[in-house]
Amino acid sequence: MLNVEGLVKQFRIRTGLVDAVRGVSFSVAAGEILAFLGPNGAGKTTTIKMTAGLIHPDGGAVYVDGKNLVTERNAVLGKIGAVLEGSRNLYWRLTVLENLLYWGTMRRVSYRQARSRAFELLDQVGLTDRARSTVQTLSRGMQQKVALCQSLMHHPTVLLLDEPTLGLDFESSEGIKRMVRTLSDSGTAILLTTHQLDVAQELSDRVAMIRGGQLILEGTTKAILEKYSQPMYSIISAIPWPLNLVDTARKVMGNVAQVSPDTLQLIPQDGDTDAIYRLLNALHPHPLLRVERHQADLAEVFQQVMSKGALA
């Protein structure tokens, strides 16, 4: 649905040209959520702005449903919706309904259809009773819901989400995430940018990471987390480990470390996962709470990948 091919962007500064984006390519299929992640200054925002048609690339192209964003701009922009961080795409002194009608008609939706669509969306997010409230009187969570409704007025097939849950309370954040999942389930291709890596991990099907204007990692979220997970196990005791059992564990496994009074950490040698069962037998009948295999999260992956000097 969305194909970004070899995007390049340079900016001129006093000392010369800066390569902000260097040959970035990725795609987002219908019904898929791609988390596009990177630190400040990595080229993420510039890439998103080119994808949204806000700035022109110096090289490469953006295609939506096979149409080129530059050469077929009007047709493509009609398929893209965007939610900017901080509800920057709303007029605060207008009412909720006025905002939705304005942006709907700007997207060439007839007034009658825009009005019907506005109330349909407001009903979905539970804001029908605030239709005639000015945006500036709403809570941040409500404003973010209105911003999402605004982006959906013209039934876009591609949605660009910039920090959709930043600064929201738990209930508002969960509401936004439910809407994002519903949109994905209905076939919308979603490009998500956020510094909240737990949100990215929860929502995304795939992940792309950018550093220094280049993509350095891309793949399914599941595969990436599995790749960066270590073959390490933790055995958590219901009570502090007695020294004799720690010694027993080391005799059975060898590679055992006590990382807290109630937690033993071990790495099976040569992938010998059966050693876990031998150790559990040796520890019986000591009371255990649980046995955990290390599972990386996106925060760990992000830290590892960004700290490397070479492409991952």
C-alpha atoms as a PDB file:
ATOM      1  CA  MET A   1       0.000   0.000   0.000  1.00  0.00           C
ATOM      2  CA  LEU A   2       2.815   2.426   0.971  1.00  0.00           C
ATOM      3  CA  ASN A   3       6.190   2.095  -0.728  1.00  0.00           C
ATOM      4  CA  VAL A   4       9.093   4.381   0.072  1.00  0.00           C
ATOM      5  CA  GLU A   5      11.978   3.910  -2.347  1.00  0.00           C
ATOM      6  CA  GLY A   6      15.465   5.357  -1.882  1.00  0.00           C
ATOM      7  CA  LEU A   7      14.497   8.660  -0.285  1.00  0.00           C
ATOM      8  CA  VAL A   8      17.296  11.220  -0.162  1.00  0.00           C
ATOM      9  CA  LYS A   9      17.238  14.670   1.422  1.00  0.00           C
ATOM     10  CA  GLN A  10      19.973  17.246   1.954  1.00  0.00           C
ATOM     11  CA  PHE A  11      19.816  20.520   3.854  1.00  0.00           C
ATOM     12  CA  ARG A  12      22.149  23.443   3.396  1.00  0.00           C
ATOM     13  CA  ILE A  13      23.753  24.902   6.500  1.00  0.00           C
ATOM     14  CA  ARG A  14      26.527  27.445   6.961  1.00  0.00           C
ATOM     15  CA  THR A  15      29.265  24.879   6.589  1.00  0.00           C
ATOM     16  CA  GLY A  16      27.764  23.175   3.542  1.00  0.00           C
ATOM     17  CA  LEU A  17      25.315  20.368   2.830  1.00  0.00           C
ATOM     18  CA  VAL A  18      24.052  17.895   5.414  1.00  0.00           C
ATOM     19  CA  ASP A  19      22.737  14.486   4.348  1.00  0.00           C
ATOM     20  CA  ALA A  20      19.587  14.183   6.489  1.00  0.00           C
ATOM     21  CA  VAL A  21      18.218  11.086   4.733  1.00  0.00           C
ATOM     22  CA  ARG A  22      20.362   8.709   2.691  1.00  0.00           C
ATOM     23  CA  GLY A  23      18.554   6.160   0.530  1.00  0.00           C
ATOM     24  CA  VAL A  24      15.774   5.132   2.901  1.00  0.00           C
ATOM     25  CA  SER A  25      13.423   2.432   1.600  1.00  0.00           C
ATOM     26  CA  PHE A  26      10.593   0.570   3.291  1.00  0.00           C
ATOM     27  CA  SER A  27       7.030  -0.544   2.670  1.00  0.00           C
ATOM     28  CA  VAL A  28       3.829  -0.904   4.666  1.00  0.00           C
ATOM     29  CA  ALA A  29       1.189  -3.364   3.498  1.00  0.00           C
ATOM     30  CA  ALA A  30      -2.557  -2.944   3.919  1.00  0.00           C
ATOM     31  CA  GLY A  31      -3.553  -3.846   7.482  1.00  0.00           C
ATOM     32  CA  GLU A  32       0.047  -3.623   8.722  1.00  0.00           C
ATOM     33  CA  ILE A  33       1.597  -1.380  11.379  1.00  0.00           C
ATOM     34  CA  LEU A  34       5.245  -0.438  10.836  1.00  0.00           C
ATOM     35  CA  ALA A  35       7.026   1.217  13.778  1.00  0.00           C
ATOM     36  CA  PHE A  36       9.580   3.650  12.342  1.00  0.00           C
ATOM     37  CA  LEU A  37      12.049   4.328  15.139  1.00  0.00           C
ATOM     38  CA  GLY A  38      15.171   6.389  15.655  1.00  0.00           C
ATOM     39  CA  PRO A  39      16.815   8.912  17.993  1.00  0.00           C
ATOM     40  CA  ASN A  40      16.472  12.660  17.567  1.00  0.00           C
ATOM     41  CA  GLY A  41      18.426  13.832  14.539  1.00  0.00           C
ATOM     42  CA  ALA A  42      18.430  10.422  12.855  1.00  0.00           C
ATOM     43  CA  GLY A  43      16.354  11.557   9.849  1.00  0.00           C
ATOM     44  CA  LYS A  44      13.082  10.105  11.046  1.00  0.00           C
ATOM     45  CA  THR A  45      11.042  13.317  10.982  1.00  0.00           C
ATOM     46  CA  THR A  46      12.445  14.333   7.594  1.00  0.00           C
ATOM     47  CA  THR A  47      11.483  10.926   6.188  1.00  0.00           C
ATOM     48  CA  ILE A  48       7.971  11.217   7.594  1.00  0.00           C
ATOM     49  CA  LYS A  49       7.549  14.716   6.159  1.00  0.00           C
ATOM     50  CA  MET A  50       8.582  13.470   2.711  1.00  0.00           C
ATOM     51  CA  THR A  51       6.187  10.532   3.063  1.00  0.00           C
ATOM     52  CA  ALA A  52       3.377  12.920   3.990  1.00  0.00           C
ATOM     53  CA  GLY A  53       4.141  15.218   1.061  1.00  0.00           C
ATOM     54  CA  LEU A  54       5.169  18.140   3.296  1.00  0.00           C
ATOM     55  CA  ILE A  55       8.646  18.394   1.760  1.00  0.00           C
ATOM     56  CA  HIS A  56      10.000  17.169  -1.572  1.00  0.00           C
ATOM     57  CA  PRO A  57      12.763  14.560  -1.640  1.00  0.00           C
ATOM     58  CA  ASP A  58      16.007  15.268  -3.473  1.00  0.00           C
ATOM     59  CA  GLY A  59      15.960  11.675  -4.640  1.00  0.00           C
ATOM     60  CA  GLY A  60      13.793   8.595  -4.470  1.00  0.00           C
ATOM     61  CA  ALA A  61      10.014   8.386  -4.481  1.00  0.00           C
ATOM     62  CA  VAL A  62       6.940   7.665  -2.368  1.00  0.00           C
ATOM     63  CA  TYR A  63       4.168   5.512  -3.808  1.00  0.00           C
ATOM     64  CA  VAL A  64       0.711   4.986  -2.360  1.00  0.00           C
ATOM     65  CA  ASP A  65      -1.286   2.237  -3.991  1.00  0.00           C
ATOM     66  CA  GLY A  66       1.121   2.433  -6.929  1.00  0.00           C
ATOM     67  CA  LYS A  67       0.748   6.192  -7.451  1.00  0.00           C
ATOM     68  CA  ASN A  68       3.702   8.572  -7.192  1.00  0.00           C
ATOM     69  CA  LEU A  69       3.360  11.239  -4.509  1.00  0.00           C
ATOM     70  CA  VAL A  70       5.129  13.882  -6.611  1.00  0.00           C
ATOM     71  CA  THR A  71       3.720  13.279 -10.090  1.00  0.00           C
ATOM     72  CA  GLU A  72       0.223  12.281  -8.937  1.00  0.00           C
ATOM     73  CA  ARG A  73       0.107  14.425  -5.817  1.00  0.00           C
ATOM     74  CA  ASN A  74      -3.637  15.119  -5.617  1.00  0.00           C
ATOM     75  CA  ALA A  75      -4.579  11.481  -6.047  1.00  0.00           C
ATOM     76  CA  VAL A  76      -2.039  10.313  -3.478  1.00  0.00           C
ATOM     77  CA  LEU A  77      -2.746  12.923  -0.799  1.00  0.00           C
ATOM     78  CA  GLY A  78      -6.375  11.858  -0.887  1.00  0.00           C
ATOM     79  CA  LYS A  79      -5.272   8.459   0.372  1.00  0.00           C
ATOM     80  CA  ILE A  80      -3.029   9.685   3.229  1.00  0.00           C
ATOM     81  CA  GLY A  81      -4.065  10.744   6.720  1.00  0.00           C
ATOM     82  CA  ALA A  82      -1.685  12.112   9.346  1.00  0.00           C
ATOM     83  CA  VAL A  83      -1.807  12.703  13.084  1.00  0.00           C
ATOM     84  CA  LEU A  84       0.923  15.058  14.279  1.00  0.00           C
ATOM     85  CA  GLU A  85       2.324  14.986  17.801  1.00  0.00           C
ATOM     86  CA  GLY A  86       0.662  17.455  20.135  1.00  0.00           C
ATOM     87  CA  SER A  87      -2.534  17.802  18.033  1.00  0.00           C
ATOM     88  CA  ARG A  88      -0.793  20.377  15.829  1.00  0.00           C
ATOM     89  CA  ASN A  89      -3.237  19.694  12.996  1.00  0.00           C
ATOM     90  CA  LEU A  90      -6.189  21.159  14.922  1.00  0.00           C
ATOM     91  CA  TYR A  91      -7.430  24.736  15.278  1.00  0.00           C
ATOM     92  CA  TRP A  92      -7.851  25.245  18.996  1.00  0.00           C
ATOM     93  CA  ARG A  93     -10.384  28.092  18.833  1.00  0.00           C
ATOM     94  CA  LEU A  94     -12.719  26.164  16.555  1.00  0.00           C
ATOM     95  CA  THR A  95     -15.140  23.599  17.901  1.00  0.00           C
ATOM     96  CA  VAL A  96     -14.540  19.913  17.446  1.00  0.00           C
ATOM     97  CA  LEU A  97     -17.235  19.721  14.757  1.00  0.00           C
ATOM     98  CA  GLU A  98     -15.919  22.813  12.960  1.00  0.00           C
ATOM     99  CA  ASN A  99     -12.449  21.270  12.822  1.00  0.00           C
ATOM    100  CA  LEU A 100     -13.735  18.036  11.375  1.00  0.00           C
ATOM    101  CA  LEU A 101     -15.965  19.776   8.822  1.00  0.00           C
ATOM    102  CA  TYR A 102     -13.136  22.099   7.776  1.00  0.00           C
ATOM    103  CA  TRP A 103     -10.603  19.324   7.268  1.00  0.00           C
ATOM    104  CA  GLY A 104     -13.163  17.050   5.662  1.00  0.00           C
ATOM    105  CA  THR A 105     -14.144  19.598   3.036  1.00  0.00           C
ATOM    106  CA  MET A 106     -10.459  20.458   2.522  1.00  0.00           C
ATOM    107  CA  ARG A 107     -10.065  16.798   1.576  1.00  0.00           C
ATOM    108  CA  ARG A 108     -12.865  17.227  -0.984  1.00  0.00           C
ATOM    109  CA  VAL A 109     -15.528  15.501   1.087  1.00  0.00           C
ATOM    110  CA  SER A 110     -18.945  17.096   0.530  1.00  0.00           C
ATOM    111  CA  TYR A 111     -20.391  19.043   3.462  1.00  0.00           C
ATOM    112  CA  ARG A 112     -23.212  16.545   3.929  1.00  0.00           C
ATOM    113  CA  GLN A 113     -20.842  13.575   3.883  1.00  0.00           C
ATOM    114  CA  ALA A 114     -18.355  15.377   6.123  1.00  0.00           C
ATOM    115  CA  ARG A 115     -21.020  16.090   8.735  1.00  0.00           C
ATOM    116  CA  SER A 116     -22.194  12.480   8.708  1.00  0.00           C
ATOM    117  CA  ARG A 117     -18.623  11.197   8.867  1.00  0.00           C
ATOM    118  CA  ALA A 118     -17.765  13.581  11.721  1.00  0.00           C
ATOM    119  CA  PHE A 119     -20.542  12.319  13.961  1.00  0.00           C
ATOM    120  CA  GLU A 120     -19.758   8.721  13.017  1.00  0.00           C
ATOM    121  CA  LEU A 121     -16.157   9.155  14.147  1.00  0.00           C
ATOM    122  CA  LEU A 122     -17.034  11.140  17.269  1.00  0.00           C
ATOM    123  CA  ASP A 123     -19.411   8.383  18.280  1.00  0.00           C
ATOM    124  CA  GLN A 124     -16.604   5.838  17.902  1.00  0.00           C
ATOM    125  CA  VAL A 125     -14.331   7.770  20.266  1.00  0.00           C
ATOM    126  CA  GLY A 126     -17.080   8.748  22.711  1.00  0.00           C
ATOM    127  CA  LEU A 127     -16.937  12.481  22.029  1.00  0.00           C
ATOM    128  CA  THR A 128     -20.331  13.159  20.458  1.00  0.00           C
ATOM    129  CA  ASP A 129     -21.321  15.285  23.447  1.00  0.00           C
ATOM    130  CA  ARG A 130     -18.232  17.486  22.935  1.00  0.00           C
ATOM    131  CA  ALA A 131     -18.891  18.197  19.247  1.00  0.00           C
ATOM    132  CA  ARG A 132     -19.587  21.890  19.937  1.00  0.00           C
ATOM    133  CA  SER A 133     -16.822  22.389  22.489  1.00  0.00           C
ATOM    134  CA  THR A 134     -13.753  24.299  21.364  1.00  0.00           C
ATOM    135  CA  VAL A 135     -10.634  22.164  21.074  1.00  0.00           C
ATOM    136  CA  GLN A 136      -8.771  24.278  23.633  1.00  0.00           C
ATOM    137  CA  THR A 137     -11.259  23.264  26.349  1.00  0.00           C
ATOM    138  CA  LEU A 138     -10.617  19.538  25.867  1.00  0.00           C
ATOM    139  CA  SER A 139      -8.179  17.349  27.753  1.00  0.00           C
ATOM    140  CA  ARG A 140      -5.037  16.247  25.938  1.00  0.00           C
ATOM    141  CA  GLY A 141      -6.474  12.760  25.473  1.00  0.00           C
ATOM    142  CA  MET A 142      -9.657  14.163  23.935  1.00  0.00           C
ATOM    143  CA  GLN A 143      -7.637  16.420  21.645  1.00  0.00           C
ATOM    144  CA  GLN A 144      -5.623  13.446  20.426  1.00  0.00           C
ATOM    145  CA  LYS A 145      -8.846  11.556  19.683  1.00  0.00           C
ATOM    146  CA  VAL A 146     -10.154  14.535  17.705  1.00  0.00           C
ATOM    147  CA  ALA A 147      -6.851  14.717  15.802  1.00  0.00           C
ATOM    148  CA  LEU A 148      -7.230  11.048  14.901  1.00  0.00           C
ATOM    149  CA  CYS A 149     -10.829  11.631  13.798  1.00  0.00           C
ATOM    150  CA  GLN A 150      -9.658  14.567  11.666  1.00  0.00           C
ATOM    151  CA  SER A 151      -7.153  12.350   9.883  1.00  0.00           C
ATOM    152  CA  LEU A 152      -9.851   9.789   9.090  1.00  0.00           C
ATOM    153  CA  MET A 153     -12.470  12.136   7.623  1.00  0.00           C
ATOM    154  CA  HIS A 154     -11.630  11.166   4.024  1.00  0.00           C
ATOM    155  CA  HIS A 155     -11.249   7.397   4.622  1.00  0.00           C
ATOM    156  CA  PRO A 156      -7.455   7.268   4.055  1.00  0.00           C
ATOM    157  CA  THR A 157      -5.826   3.982   3.157  1.00  0.00           C
ATOM    158  CA  VAL A 158      -2.486   5.066   4.682  1.00  0.00           C
ATOM    159  CA  LEU A 159      -2.216   6.647   8.131  1.00  0.00           C
ATOM    160  CA  LEU A 160       0.893   8.375   9.508  1.00  0.00           C
ATOM    161  CA  LEU A 161       0.904   8.519  13.314  1.00  0.00           C
ATOM    162  CA  ASP A 162       3.445  10.720  15.098  1.00  0.00           C
ATOM    163  CA  GLU A 163       3.565  10.067  18.866  1.00  0.00           C
ATOM    164  CA  PRO A 164      -0.170   9.242  19.118  1.00  0.00           C
ATOM    165  CA  THR A 165      -0.065   8.408  22.863  1.00  0.00           C
ATOM    166  CA  LEU A 166       2.650  10.767  24.130  1.00  0.00           C
ATOM    167  CA  GLY A 167       1.691  12.441  27.405  1.00  0.00           C
ATOM    168  CA  LEU A 168      -1.683  10.711  27.680  1.00  0.00           C
ATOM    169  CA  ASP A 169      -3.040   9.071  30.808  1.00  0.00           C
ATOM    170  CA  PHE A 170      -3.532   5.314  30.834  1.00  0.00           C
ATOM    171  CA  GLU A 171      -7.198   5.344  29.845  1.00  0.00           C
ATOM    172  CA  SER A 172      -6.713   7.793  26.966  1.00  0.00           C
ATOM    173  CA  SER A 173      -3.645   5.926  25.746  1.00  0.00           C
ATOM    174  CA  GLU A 174      -5.503   2.620  25.745  1.00  0.00           C
ATOM    175  CA  GLY A 175      -8.372   4.212  23.814  1.00  0.00           C
ATOM    176  CA  ILE A 176      -6.019   5.490  21.111  1.00  0.00           C
ATOM    177  CA  LYS A 177      -4.301   2.117  20.853  1.00  0.00           C
ATOM    178  CA  ARG A 178      -7.655   0.352  20.467  1.00  0.00           C
ATOM    179  CA  MET A 179      -8.530   2.691  17.604  1.00  0.00           C
ATOM    180  CA  VAL A 180      -5.181   2.053  15.928  1.00  0.00           C
ATOM    181  CA  ARG A 181      -5.698  -1.709  16.140  1.00  0.00           C
ATOM    182  CA  THR A 182      -9.222  -1.387  14.749  1.00  0.00           C
ATOM    183  CA  LEU A 183      -7.943   0.680  11.814  1.00  0.00           C
ATOM    184  CA  SER A 184      -5.240  -1.875  11.126  1.00  0.00           C
ATOM    185  CA  ASP A 185      -7.753  -4.722  11.275  1.00  0.00           C
ATOM    186  CA  SER A 186      -9.908  -2.875   8.732  1.00  0.00           C
ATOM    187  CA  GLY A 187      -7.022  -2.766   6.233  1.00  0.00           C
ATOM    188  CA  THR A 188      -5.407   0.628   6.860  1.00  0.00           C
ATOM    189  CA  ALA A 189      -1.620   0.728   6.392  1.00  0.00           C
ATOM    190  CA  ILE A 190      -0.155   2.519   9.413  1.00  0.00           C
ATOM    191  CA  LEU A 191       3.275   4.108   9.779  1.00  0.00           C
ATOM    192  CA  LEU A 192       3.894   4.757  13.479  1.00  0.00           C
ATOM    193  CA  THR A 193       6.663   6.938  14.870  1.00  0.00           C
ATOM    194  CA  THR A 194       7.195   7.151  18.613  1.00  0.00           C
ATOM    195  CA  HIS A 195       9.849   7.316  21.307  1.00  0.00           C
ATOM    196  CA  GLN A 196       7.598   5.161  23.499  1.00  0.00           C
ATOM    197  CA  LEU A 197       9.154   1.831  22.627  1.00  0.00           C
ATOM    198  CA  ASP A 198       6.670  -0.155  24.703  1.00  0.00           C
ATOM    199  CA  VAL A 199       3.854   1.276  22.572  1.00  0.00           C
ATOM    200  CA  ALA A 200       5.773   0.476  19.387  1.00  0.00           C
ATOM    201  CA  GLN A 201       6.341  -3.099  20.553  1.00  0.00           C
ATOM    202  CA  GLU A 202       2.711  -3.573  21.516  1.00  0.00           C
ATOM    203  CA  LEU A 203       1.216  -2.232  18.291  1.00  0.00           C
ATOM    204  CA  SER A 204       3.678  -2.995  15.509  1.00  0.00           C
ATOM    205  CA  ASP A 205       3.815  -5.917  13.102  1.00  0.00           C
ATOM    206  CA  ARG A 206       7.169  -4.772  11.764  1.00  0.00           C
ATOM    207  CA  VAL A 207       9.955  -2.442  12.883  1.00  0.00           C
ATOM    208  CA  ALA A 208      12.366  -0.212  10.960  1.00  0.00           C
ATOM    209  CA  MET A 209      15.148   1.681  12.753  1.00  0.00           C
ATOM    210  CA  ILE A 210      17.014   4.652  11.328  1.00  0.00           C
ATOM    211  CA  ARG A 211      20.316   6.198  12.386  1.00  0.00           C
ATOM    212  CA  GLY A 212      22.418   8.797  10.605  1.00  0.00           C
ATOM    213  CA  GLY A 213      19.872   9.047   7.797  1.00  0.00           C
ATOM    214  CA  GLN A 214      20.087   5.333   6.948  1.00  0.00           C
ATOM    215  CA  LEU A 215      17.945   2.324   7.829  1.00  0.00           C
ATOM    216  CA  ILE A 216      20.010   0.041  10.030  1.00  0.00           C
ATOM    217  CA  LEU A 217      17.454  -2.585  11.013  1.00  0.00           C
ATOM    218  CA  GLU A 218      14.175  -3.815   9.529  1.00  0.00           C
ATOM    219  CA  GLY A 219      12.064  -6.896  10.077  1.00  0.00           C
ATOM    220  CA  THR A 220       9.036  -8.311  11.817  1.00  0.00           C
ATOM    221  CA  THR A 221       8.749  -7.301  15.457  1.00  0.00           C
ATOM    222  CA  LYS A 222       8.594 -10.933  16.522  1.00  0.00           C
ATOM    223  CA  ALA A 223      11.715 -11.941  14.588  1.00  0.00           C
ATOM    224  CA  ILE A 224      13.728  -8.949  15.810  1.00  0.00           C
ATOM    225  CA  LEU A 225      12.856  -9.584  19.458  1.00  0.00           C
ATOM    226  CA  GLU A 226      13.745 -13.242  19.064  1.00  0.00           C
ATOM    227  CA  LYS A 227      17.060 -12.395  17.377  1.00  0.00           C
ATOM    228  CA  TYR A 228      18.164 -10.150  20.228  1.00  0.00           C
ATOM    229  CA  SER A 229      16.930 -12.401  23.031  1.00  0.00           C
ATOM    230  CA  GLN A 230      19.718 -14.258  24.814  1.00  0.00           C
ATOM    231  CA  PRO A 231      19.739 -18.018  25.608  1.00  0.00           C
ATOM    232  CA  MET A 232      19.546 -17.144  29.298  1.00  0.00           C
ATOM    233  CA  TYR A 233      17.196 -18.340  32.042  1.00  0.00           C
ATOM    234  CA  SER A 234      16.275 -17.020  35.461  1.00  0.00           C
ATOM    235  CA  ILE A 235      15.050 -19.212  38.307  1.00  0.00           C
ATOM    236  CA  ILE A 236      13.141 -17.194  40.880  1.00  0.00           C
ATOM    237  CA  SER A 237      12.796 -18.637  44.365  1.00  0.00           C
ATOM    238  CA  ALA A 238       9.887 -18.062  46.751  1.00  0.00           C
ATOM    239  CA  ILE A 239      12.479 -17.411  49.482  1.00  0.00           C
ATOM    240  CA  PRO A 240      16.134 -16.289  49.395  1.00  0.00           C
ATOM    241  CA  TRP A 241      18.440 -18.930  47.966  1.00  0.00           C
ATOM    242  CA  PRO A 242      20.444 -20.789  50.641  1.00  0.00           C
ATOM    243  CA  LEU A 243      24.171 -21.003  49.884  1.00  0.00           C
ATOM    244  CA  ASN A 244      24.174 -24.803  49.651  1.00  0.00           C
ATOM    245  CA  LEU A 245      21.604 -24.730  46.810  1.00  0.00           C
ATOM    246  CA  VAL A 246      23.553 -22.036  44.968  1.00  0.00           C
ATOM    247  CA  ASP A 247      26.578 -24.329  45.180  1.00  0.00           C
ATOM    248  CA  THR A 248      24.454 -27.252  43.972  1.00  0.00           C
ATOM    249  CA  ALA A 249      23.261 -25.209  41.001  1.00  0.00           C
ATOM    250  CA  ARG A 250      26.829 -24.340  40.030  1.00  0.00           C
ATOM    251  CA  LYS A 251      27.894 -27.973  40.246  1.00  0.00           C
ATOM    252  CA  VAL A 252      25.049 -29.056  37.956  1.00  0.00           C
ATOM    253  CA  MET A 253      25.218 -26.175  35.461  1.00  0.00           C
ATOM    254  CA  GLY A 254      28.551 -24.485  35.998  1.00  0.00           C
ATOM    255  CA  ASN A 255      27.481 -21.171  34.431  1.00  0.00           C
ATOM    256  CA  VAL A 256      25.238 -19.883  37.226  1.00  0.00           C
ATOM    257  CA  ALA A 257      25.173 -16.420  38.780  1.00  0.00           C
ATOM    258  CA  GLN A 258      23.144 -15.200  41.741  1.00  0.00           C
ATOM    259  CA  VAL A 259      21.851 -11.805  40.607  1.00  0.00           C
ATOM    260  CA  SER A 260      19.643 -11.155  43.645  1.00  0.00           C
ATOM    261  CA  PRO A 261      18.828 -12.966  46.900  1.00  0.00           C
ATOM    262  CA  ASP A 262      15.954 -14.818  45.220  1.00  0.00           C
ATOM    263  CA  THR A 263      17.135 -15.090  41.578  1.00  0.00           C
ATOM    264  CA  LEU A 264      19.629 -17.399  39.916  1.00  0.00           C
ATOM    265  CA  GLN A 265      20.621 -16.651  36.324  1.00  0.00           C
ATOM    266  CA  LEU A 266      22.117 -19.258  34.008  1.00  0.00           C
ATOM    267  CA  ILE A 267      23.118 -19.804  30.402  1.00  0.00           C
ATOM    268  CA  PRO A 268      22.971 -23.430  29.137  1.00  0.00           C
ATOM    269  CA  GLN A 269      26.225 -24.526  27.530  1.00  0.00           C
ATOM    270  CA  ASP A 270      26.066 -25.311  23.795  1.00  0.00           C
ATOM    271  CA  GLY A 271      22.299 -24.782  23.743  1.00  0.00           C
ATOM    272  CA  ASP A 272      21.719 -27.678  26.145  1.00  0.00           C
ATOM    273  CA  THR A 273      18.254 -26.663  27.338  1.00  0.00           C
ATOM    274  CA  ASP A 274      17.731 -30.081  28.950  1.00  0.00           C
ATOM    275  CA  ALA A 275      20.189 -28.882  31.584  1.00  0.00           C
ATOM    276  CA  ILE A 276      17.382 -26.703  32.974  1.00  0.00           C
ATOM    277  CA  TYR A 277      15.392 -29.825  33.859  1.00  0.00           C
ATOM    278  CA  ARG A 278      18.421 -31.485  35.451  1.00  0.00           C
ATOM    279  CA  LEU A 279      18.930 -28.405  37.562  1.00  0.00           C
ATOM    280  CA  LEU A 280      15.272 -28.257  38.609  1.00  0.00           C
ATOM    281  CA  ASN A 281      15.473 -31.891  39.695  1.00  0.00           C
ATOM    282  CA  ALA A 282      18.583 -31.098  41.726  1.00  0.00           C
ATOM    283  CA  LEU A 283      16.832 -28.155  43.410  1.00  0.00           C
ATOM    284  CA  HIS A 284      13.714 -30.121  44.331  1.00  0.00           C
ATOM    285  CA  PRO A 285      11.857 -29.620  46.722  1.00  0.00           C
ATOM    286  CA  HIS A 286      12.985 -26.000  47.185  1.00  0.00           C
ATOM    287  CA  PRO A 287       9.941 -23.682  46.623  1.00  0.00           C
ATOM    288  CA  LEU A 288      10.117 -21.861  43.273  1.00  0.00           C
ATOM    289  CA  LEU A 289       8.002 -19.029  41.946  1.00  0.00           C
ATOM    290  CA  ARG A 290       8.840 -19.291  38.248  1.00  0.00           C
ATOM    291  CA  VAL A 291      11.413 -20.047  35.569  1.00  0.00           C
ATOM    292  CA  GLU A 292      11.848 -17.382  32.884  1.00  0.00           C
ATOM    293  CA  ARG A 293      13.651 -17.354  29.557  1.00  0.00           C
ATOM    294  CA  HIS A 294      15.188 -14.009  28.686  1.00  0.00           C
ATOM    295  CA  GLN A 295      13.063 -12.126  26.177  1.00  0.00           C
ATOM    296  CA  ALA A 296      14.403  -8.909  24.711  1.00  0.00           C
ATOM    297  CA  ASP A 297      12.126  -5.912  24.383  1.00  0.00           C
ATOM    298  CA  LEU A 298      12.359  -3.102  21.854  1.00  0.00           C
ATOM    299  CA  ALA A 299      14.093  -0.855  24.370  1.00  0.00           C
ATOM    300  CA  GLU A 300      16.959  -3.363  24.655  1.00  0.00           C
ATOM    301  CA  VAL A 301      17.107  -3.845  20.894  1.00  0.00           C
ATOM    302  CA  PHE A 302      17.072  -0.100  20.277  1.00  0.00           C
ATOM    303  CA  GLN A 303      19.900   0.480  22.735  1.00  0.00           C
ATOM    304  CA  GLN A 304      22.042  -2.283  21.245  1.00  0.00           C
ATOM    305  CA  VAL A 305      21.466  -1.316  17.621  1.00  0.00           C
ATOM    306  CA  MET A 306      22.007   2.400  18.131  1.00  0.00           C
ATOM    307  CA  SER A 307      25.236   1.837  20.020  1.00  0.00           C
ATOM    308  CA  LYS A 308      26.811  -0.171  17.189  1.00  0.00           C
ATOM    309  CA  GLY A 309      29.103   1.506  14.709  1.00  0.00           C
ATOM    310  CA  ALA A 310      28.137  -0.675  11.726  1.00  0.00           C
ATOM    311  CA  LEU A 311      24.804  -1.367  10.124  1.00  0.00           C
ATOM    312  CA  ALA A 312      22.854  -4.124  11.889  1.00  0.00           C
END
